[in-house]
Amino acid sequence: PTRVRQVVMNLVSNAIKFTQEGSVVLACRRSREAPGFLNLMVTDTGAGIPEHRIATIFDAFRQADSDTTRRYGGTGLGLAISHRIVGEMGGSLVVESEVGEGTTFSCHIPHTLHADADD
């Protein structure tokens, strides 16, 4: 739970930081395709990430570009840490984004919820 909380906080904090207007939505549900996994999604209507930069955003100390660092601050570690945590838990963290439209980070992670828990 502590590591999942850290990932969620990193993703939500980033979404808020890069969304001047609009919304940030956190959703969580059991995976219907892969029992035993949770799907966590953080979606924002913020700045978006250029397609050619997506491949590097999970690298430590990297942000979309130097202008992003100057404008929004940060160290460029949150996504790298989150990506590593999710990977070490046996899951995956992916991003979909469009400049000017927003970004969605999706985590697919194992869970230990009881079968009779509510969806």
N, C-alpha and C. Protein backbone atom coordinates (compact mmCIF):
# COMPACT_ATOMS: atom_id res chain seq x y z
N PRO A 1 0.81 -1.22 0.00
CA PRO A 1 0.00 0.00 0.00
C PRO A 1 0.85 1.28 0.00
N THR A 2 1.97 1.26 0.70
CA THR A 2 2.82 2.46 0.76
C THR A 2 3.38 2.80 -0.61
N ARG A 3 3.82 1.81 -1.33
CA ARG A 3 4.40 2.06 -2.67
C ARG A 3 3.33 2.48 -3.66
N VAL A 4 2.16 1.87 -3.58
CA VAL A 4 1.06 2.28 -4.46
C VAL A 4 0.70 3.73 -4.18
N ARG A 5 0.64 4.08 -2.90
CA ARG A 5 0.34 5.47 -2.51
C ARG A 5 1.39 6.42 -3.09
N GLN A 6 2.67 6.04 -3.03
CA GLN A 6 3.73 6.88 -3.56
C GLN A 6 3.57 7.08 -5.07
N VAL A 7 3.25 6.04 -5.79
CA VAL A 7 3.04 6.15 -7.23
C VAL A 7 1.86 7.06 -7.53
N VAL A 8 0.75 6.84 -6.84
CA VAL A 8 -0.44 7.66 -7.07
C VAL A 8 -0.15 9.13 -6.76
N MET A 9 0.54 9.39 -5.65
CA MET A 9 0.86 10.78 -5.30
C MET A 9 1.76 11.43 -6.35
N ASN A 10 2.76 10.70 -6.85
CA ASN A 10 3.62 11.24 -7.90
C ASN A 10 2.82 11.57 -9.16
N LEU A 11 1.96 10.65 -9.58
CA LEU A 11 1.20 10.87 -10.81
C LEU A 11 0.18 11.99 -10.66
N VAL A 12 -0.51 12.02 -9.54
CA VAL A 12 -1.50 13.07 -9.32
C VAL A 12 -0.82 14.43 -9.17
N SER A 13 0.29 14.49 -8.45
CA SER A 13 1.03 15.75 -8.30
C SER A 13 1.48 16.29 -9.65
N ASN A 14 2.02 15.41 -10.50
CA ASN A 14 2.42 15.84 -11.84
C ASN A 14 1.23 16.36 -12.63
N ALA A 15 0.13 15.62 -12.57
CA ALA A 15 -1.06 16.03 -13.33
C ALA A 15 -1.53 17.41 -12.90
N ILE A 16 -1.56 17.65 -11.60
CA ILE A 16 -1.98 18.96 -11.09
C ILE A 16 -1.00 20.04 -11.54
N LYS A 17 0.29 19.74 -11.46
CA LYS A 17 1.32 20.72 -11.82
C LYS A 17 1.19 21.17 -13.29
N PHE A 18 0.85 20.23 -14.17
CA PHE A 18 0.81 20.53 -15.60
C PHE A 18 -0.58 20.87 -16.12
N THR A 19 -1.56 21.02 -15.23
CA THR A 19 -2.93 21.34 -15.64
C THR A 19 -3.31 22.71 -15.08
N GLN A 20 -3.20 23.72 -15.90
CA GLN A 20 -3.55 25.07 -15.49
C GLN A 20 -5.07 25.25 -15.41
N GLU A 21 -5.78 24.66 -16.37
CA GLU A 21 -7.24 24.71 -16.41
C GLU A 21 -7.74 23.33 -16.78
N GLY A 22 -8.95 23.03 -16.35
CA GLY A 22 -9.52 21.73 -16.70
C GLY A 22 -9.59 20.83 -15.49
N SER A 23 -9.22 19.56 -15.69
CA SER A 23 -9.44 18.60 -14.62
C SER A 23 -8.31 17.58 -14.51
N VAL A 24 -8.27 16.96 -13.34
CA VAL A 24 -7.40 15.82 -13.07
C VAL A 24 -8.31 14.74 -12.47
N VAL A 25 -8.27 13.55 -13.04
CA VAL A 25 -9.14 12.47 -12.58
C VAL A 25 -8.29 11.25 -12.23
N LEU A 26 -8.56 10.69 -11.06
CA LEU A 26 -7.93 9.44 -10.62
C LEU A 26 -9.00 8.37 -10.64
N ALA A 27 -8.74 7.27 -11.33
CA ALA A 27 -9.68 6.15 -11.38
C ALA A 27 -8.95 4.87 -11.03
N CYS A 28 -9.64 3.97 -10.37
CA CYS A 28 -9.07 2.68 -9.99
C CYS A 28 -10.14 1.61 -10.12
N ARG A 29 -9.78 0.51 -10.75
CA ARG A 29 -10.71 -0.61 -10.84
C ARG A 29 -9.95 -1.91 -11.01
N ARG A 30 -10.61 -2.98 -10.68
CA ARG A 30 -10.02 -4.30 -10.93
C ARG A 30 -9.95 -4.52 -12.43
N SER A 31 -8.88 -5.14 -12.85
CA SER A 31 -8.74 -5.46 -14.27
C SER A 31 -9.69 -6.59 -14.62
N ARG A 32 -10.47 -6.39 -15.64
CA ARG A 32 -11.35 -7.45 -16.13
C ARG A 32 -10.58 -8.41 -17.03
N GLU A 33 -9.53 -7.91 -17.67
CA GLU A 33 -8.73 -8.72 -18.58
C GLU A 33 -7.72 -9.60 -17.85
N ALA A 34 -7.25 -9.15 -16.69
CA ALA A 34 -6.23 -9.88 -15.94
C ALA A 34 -6.61 -9.94 -14.47
N PRO A 35 -7.36 -10.97 -14.07
CA PRO A 35 -7.73 -11.09 -12.65
C PRO A 35 -6.48 -11.05 -11.77
N GLY A 36 -6.62 -10.39 -10.63
CA GLY A 36 -5.48 -10.26 -9.73
C GLY A 36 -4.70 -8.98 -9.97
N PHE A 37 -5.15 -8.13 -10.89
CA PHE A 37 -4.49 -6.86 -11.18
C PHE A 37 -5.47 -5.72 -11.01
N LEU A 38 -4.92 -4.56 -10.64
CA LEU A 38 -5.66 -3.30 -10.59
C LEU A 38 -5.23 -2.42 -11.74
N ASN A 39 -6.16 -1.65 -12.26
CA ASN A 39 -5.83 -0.61 -13.23
C ASN A 39 -6.04 0.73 -12.52
N LEU A 40 -4.98 1.51 -12.41
CA LEU A 40 -5.04 2.86 -11.86
C LEU A 40 -4.76 3.81 -13.00
N MET A 41 -5.60 4.82 -13.16
CA MET A 41 -5.39 5.79 -14.23
C MET A 41 -5.47 7.20 -13.67
N VAL A 42 -4.51 8.02 -14.07
CA VAL A 42 -4.54 9.44 -13.74
C VAL A 42 -4.59 10.17 -15.08
N THR A 43 -5.68 10.90 -15.28
CA THR A 43 -5.92 11.61 -16.54
C THR A 43 -6.03 13.10 -16.25
N ASP A 44 -5.37 13.89 -17.08
CA ASP A 44 -5.47 15.34 -16.93
C ASP A 44 -5.77 15.99 -18.28
N THR A 45 -6.20 17.24 -18.22
CA THR A 45 -6.47 18.02 -19.43
C THR A 45 -5.40 19.09 -19.59
N GLY A 46 -4.19 18.76 -19.14
CA GLY A 46 -3.10 19.72 -19.10
C GLY A 46 -2.33 19.89 -20.40
N ALA A 47 -1.06 20.25 -20.24
CA ALA A 47 -0.20 20.64 -21.36
C ALA A 47 0.04 19.52 -22.36
N GLY A 48 0.08 18.30 -21.90
CA GLY A 48 0.39 17.18 -22.79
C GLY A 48 1.89 17.05 -23.00
N ILE A 49 2.30 15.92 -23.57
CA ILE A 49 3.71 15.62 -23.80
C ILE A 49 3.91 15.36 -25.28
N PRO A 50 4.88 16.02 -25.90
CA PRO A 50 5.14 15.75 -27.32
C PRO A 50 5.49 14.28 -27.53
N GLU A 51 4.99 13.70 -28.61
CA GLU A 51 5.19 12.27 -28.88
C GLU A 51 6.66 11.87 -28.88
N HIS A 52 7.52 12.72 -29.43
CA HIS A 52 8.95 12.38 -29.50
C HIS A 52 9.64 12.44 -28.13
N ARG A 53 8.98 12.95 -27.11
CA ARG A 53 9.55 13.01 -25.76
C ARG A 53 9.05 11.91 -24.83
N ILE A 54 8.00 11.23 -25.22
CA ILE A 54 7.41 10.22 -24.34
C ILE A 54 8.39 9.12 -23.99
N ALA A 55 9.23 8.72 -24.92
CA ALA A 55 10.18 7.62 -24.67
C ALA A 55 11.17 7.93 -23.54
N THR A 56 11.39 9.20 -23.22
CA THR A 56 12.40 9.54 -22.21
C THR A 56 11.83 10.00 -20.88
N ILE A 57 10.52 10.14 -20.74
CA ILE A 57 10.00 10.73 -19.50
C ILE A 57 10.15 9.84 -18.28
N PHE A 58 10.40 8.54 -18.47
CA PHE A 58 10.62 7.66 -17.32
C PHE A 58 12.10 7.57 -16.95
N ASP A 59 12.96 8.29 -17.66
CA ASP A 59 14.39 8.33 -17.33
C ASP A 59 14.62 9.29 -16.16
N ALA A 60 15.51 8.93 -15.26
CA ALA A 60 15.81 9.79 -14.11
C ALA A 60 16.38 11.12 -14.58
N PHE A 61 15.95 12.19 -13.94
CA PHE A 61 16.41 13.56 -14.18
C PHE A 61 16.05 14.06 -15.57
N ARG A 62 15.03 13.46 -16.21
CA ARG A 62 14.60 13.91 -17.54
C ARG A 62 13.18 14.43 -17.45
N GLN A 63 12.93 15.52 -18.13
CA GLN A 63 11.58 16.02 -18.30
C GLN A 63 11.35 16.17 -19.78
N ALA A 64 10.16 16.56 -20.16
CA ALA A 64 9.83 16.63 -21.59
C ALA A 64 10.83 17.51 -22.34
N ASP A 65 11.22 18.64 -21.76
CA ASP A 65 12.26 19.48 -22.36
C ASP A 65 12.73 20.49 -21.32
N SER A 66 13.77 21.24 -21.66
CA SER A 66 14.34 22.18 -20.69
C SER A 66 13.37 23.30 -20.34
N ASP A 67 12.50 23.67 -21.27
CA ASP A 67 11.50 24.70 -20.99
C ASP A 67 10.55 24.22 -19.89
N THR A 68 10.22 22.93 -19.90
CA THR A 68 9.36 22.36 -18.87
C THR A 68 10.01 22.50 -17.50
N THR A 69 11.29 22.22 -17.41
CA THR A 69 12.02 22.34 -16.15
C THR A 69 11.98 23.77 -15.65
N ARG A 70 12.23 24.73 -16.53
CA ARG A 70 12.22 26.14 -16.12
C ARG A 70 10.82 26.59 -15.71
N ARG A 71 9.82 26.19 -16.47
CA ARG A 71 8.46 26.67 -16.24
C ARG A 71 7.79 26.02 -15.03
N TYR A 72 7.96 24.71 -14.87
CA TYR A 72 7.23 23.99 -13.83
C TYR A 72 8.08 23.51 -12.67
N GLY A 73 9.39 23.50 -12.83
CA GLY A 73 10.27 23.03 -11.76
C GLY A 73 10.27 21.52 -11.66
N GLY A 74 10.81 21.03 -10.57
CA GLY A 74 10.88 19.58 -10.35
C GLY A 74 12.25 19.04 -10.71
N THR A 75 12.48 17.81 -10.26
CA THR A 75 13.78 17.18 -10.48
C THR A 75 13.78 16.19 -11.62
N GLY A 76 12.58 15.77 -12.06
CA GLY A 76 12.52 14.74 -13.08
C GLY A 76 12.69 13.34 -12.51
N LEU A 77 12.45 13.18 -11.21
CA LEU A 77 12.60 11.86 -10.59
C LEU A 77 11.27 11.15 -10.33
N GLY A 78 10.19 11.87 -10.19
CA GLY A 78 8.91 11.26 -9.82
C GLY A 78 8.46 10.16 -10.76
N LEU A 79 8.52 10.41 -12.06
CA LEU A 79 8.09 9.39 -13.01
C LEU A 79 9.06 8.22 -13.07
N ALA A 80 10.35 8.51 -12.95
CA ALA A 80 11.35 7.42 -12.95
C ALA A 80 11.15 6.52 -11.75
N ILE A 81 10.93 7.10 -10.59
CA ILE A 81 10.70 6.33 -9.37
C ILE A 81 9.41 5.53 -9.49
N SER A 82 8.35 6.17 -9.96
CA SER A 82 7.07 5.48 -10.11
C SER A 82 7.18 4.31 -11.08
N HIS A 83 7.85 4.52 -12.19
CA HIS A 83 8.02 3.47 -13.19
C HIS A 83 8.77 2.29 -12.60
N ARG A 84 9.79 2.58 -11.83
CA ARG A 84 10.59 1.51 -11.21
C ARG A 84 9.78 0.75 -10.16
N ILE A 85 9.06 1.47 -9.31
CA ILE A 85 8.23 0.83 -8.28
C ILE A 85 7.21 -0.10 -8.92
N VAL A 86 6.50 0.40 -9.91
CA VAL A 86 5.47 -0.41 -10.57
C VAL A 86 6.10 -1.64 -11.22
N GLY A 87 7.25 -1.48 -11.86
CA GLY A 87 7.94 -2.61 -12.48
C GLY A 87 8.37 -3.64 -11.46
N GLU A 88 8.89 -3.18 -10.32
CA GLU A 88 9.32 -4.11 -9.27
C GLU A 88 8.16 -4.83 -8.61
N MET A 89 6.96 -4.25 -8.72
CA MET A 89 5.76 -4.91 -8.19
C MET A 89 5.21 -5.91 -9.20
N GLY A 90 5.82 -5.99 -10.37
CA GLY A 90 5.34 -6.92 -11.39
C GLY A 90 4.28 -6.32 -12.29
N GLY A 91 4.21 -5.00 -12.33
CA GLY A 91 3.21 -4.31 -13.13
C GLY A 91 3.82 -3.51 -14.26
N SER A 92 3.01 -2.63 -14.82
CA SER A 92 3.48 -1.76 -15.90
C SER A 92 2.89 -0.36 -15.71
N LEU A 93 3.61 0.62 -16.23
CA LEU A 93 3.18 2.02 -16.20
C LEU A 93 3.37 2.57 -17.61
N VAL A 94 2.28 3.00 -18.21
CA VAL A 94 2.34 3.52 -19.58
C VAL A 94 1.70 4.90 -19.63
N VAL A 95 2.03 5.63 -20.69
CA VAL A 95 1.50 6.98 -20.86
C VAL A 95 0.94 7.15 -22.26
N GLU A 96 -0.15 7.88 -22.32
CA GLU A 96 -0.73 8.33 -23.59
C GLU A 96 -0.93 9.83 -23.44
N SER A 97 -0.53 10.58 -24.48
CA SER A 97 -0.61 12.02 -24.35
C SER A 97 -0.76 12.69 -25.70
N GLU A 98 -1.37 13.86 -25.66
CA GLU A 98 -1.47 14.70 -26.85
C GLU A 98 -1.24 16.14 -26.41
N VAL A 99 -0.31 16.80 -27.07
CA VAL A 99 0.02 18.18 -26.71
C VAL A 99 -1.24 19.05 -26.78
N GLY A 100 -1.46 19.82 -25.73
CA GLY A 100 -2.60 20.72 -25.65
C GLY A 100 -3.90 20.05 -25.25
N GLU A 101 -3.92 18.73 -25.17
CA GLU A 101 -5.14 18.00 -24.84
C GLU A 101 -5.06 17.31 -23.49
N GLY A 102 -3.86 16.87 -23.11
CA GLY A 102 -3.72 16.22 -21.81
C GLY A 102 -2.99 14.90 -21.89
N THR A 103 -2.95 14.23 -20.73
CA THR A 103 -2.15 13.02 -20.57
C THR A 103 -2.89 12.03 -19.68
N THR A 104 -2.70 10.75 -19.97
CA THR A 104 -3.19 9.68 -19.12
C THR A 104 -2.04 8.73 -18.79
N PHE A 105 -1.79 8.55 -17.51
CA PHE A 105 -0.84 7.55 -17.04
C PHE A 105 -1.67 6.38 -16.54
N SER A 106 -1.36 5.18 -17.01
CA SER A 106 -2.08 3.97 -16.61
C SER A 106 -1.12 2.99 -15.95
N CYS A 107 -1.47 2.58 -14.73
CA CYS A 107 -0.70 1.57 -13.99
C CYS A 107 -1.51 0.29 -13.99
N HIS A 108 -0.85 -0.78 -14.24
CA HIS A 108 -1.46 -2.12 -14.20
C HIS A 108 -0.63 -2.88 -13.17
N ILE A 109 -1.20 -3.06 -11.96
CA ILE A 109 -0.42 -3.63 -10.86
C ILE A 109 -1.16 -4.79 -10.19
N PRO A 110 -0.39 -5.78 -9.69
CA PRO A 110 -1.02 -6.89 -8.96
C PRO A 110 -1.67 -6.39 -7.68
N HIS A 111 -2.75 -7.05 -7.27
CA HIS A 111 -3.39 -6.69 -6.00
C HIS A 111 -3.75 -7.96 -5.23
N THR A 112 -4.08 -7.75 -3.98
CA THR A 112 -4.46 -8.88 -3.12
C THR A 112 -5.83 -8.66 -2.50
N LEU A 113 -6.72 -8.02 -3.23
CA LEU A 113 -8.08 -7.81 -2.73
C LEU A 113 -8.81 -9.14 -2.65
N HIS A 114 -9.70 -9.24 -1.73
CA HIS A 114 -10.49 -10.47 -1.59
C HIS A 114 -11.50 -10.55 -2.74
N ALA A 115 -11.81 -11.74 -3.15
CA ALA A 115 -12.72 -11.95 -4.28
C ALA A 115 -14.10 -11.39 -4.02
N ASP A 116 -14.52 -11.27 -2.76
CA ASP A 116 -15.86 -10.77 -2.47
C ASP A 116 -15.90 -9.27 -2.23
N ALA A 117 -14.78 -8.57 -2.43
CA ALA A 117 -14.75 -7.11 -2.24
C ALA A 117 -15.57 -6.44 -3.34
N ASP A 118 -16.14 -5.30 -3.02
CA ASP A 118 -16.92 -4.55 -4.01
C ASP A 118 -16.02 -4.01 -5.10
N ASP A 119 -16.56 -3.87 -6.32
CA ASP A 119 -15.80 -3.29 -7.44
C ASP A 119 -15.68 -1.80 -7.29
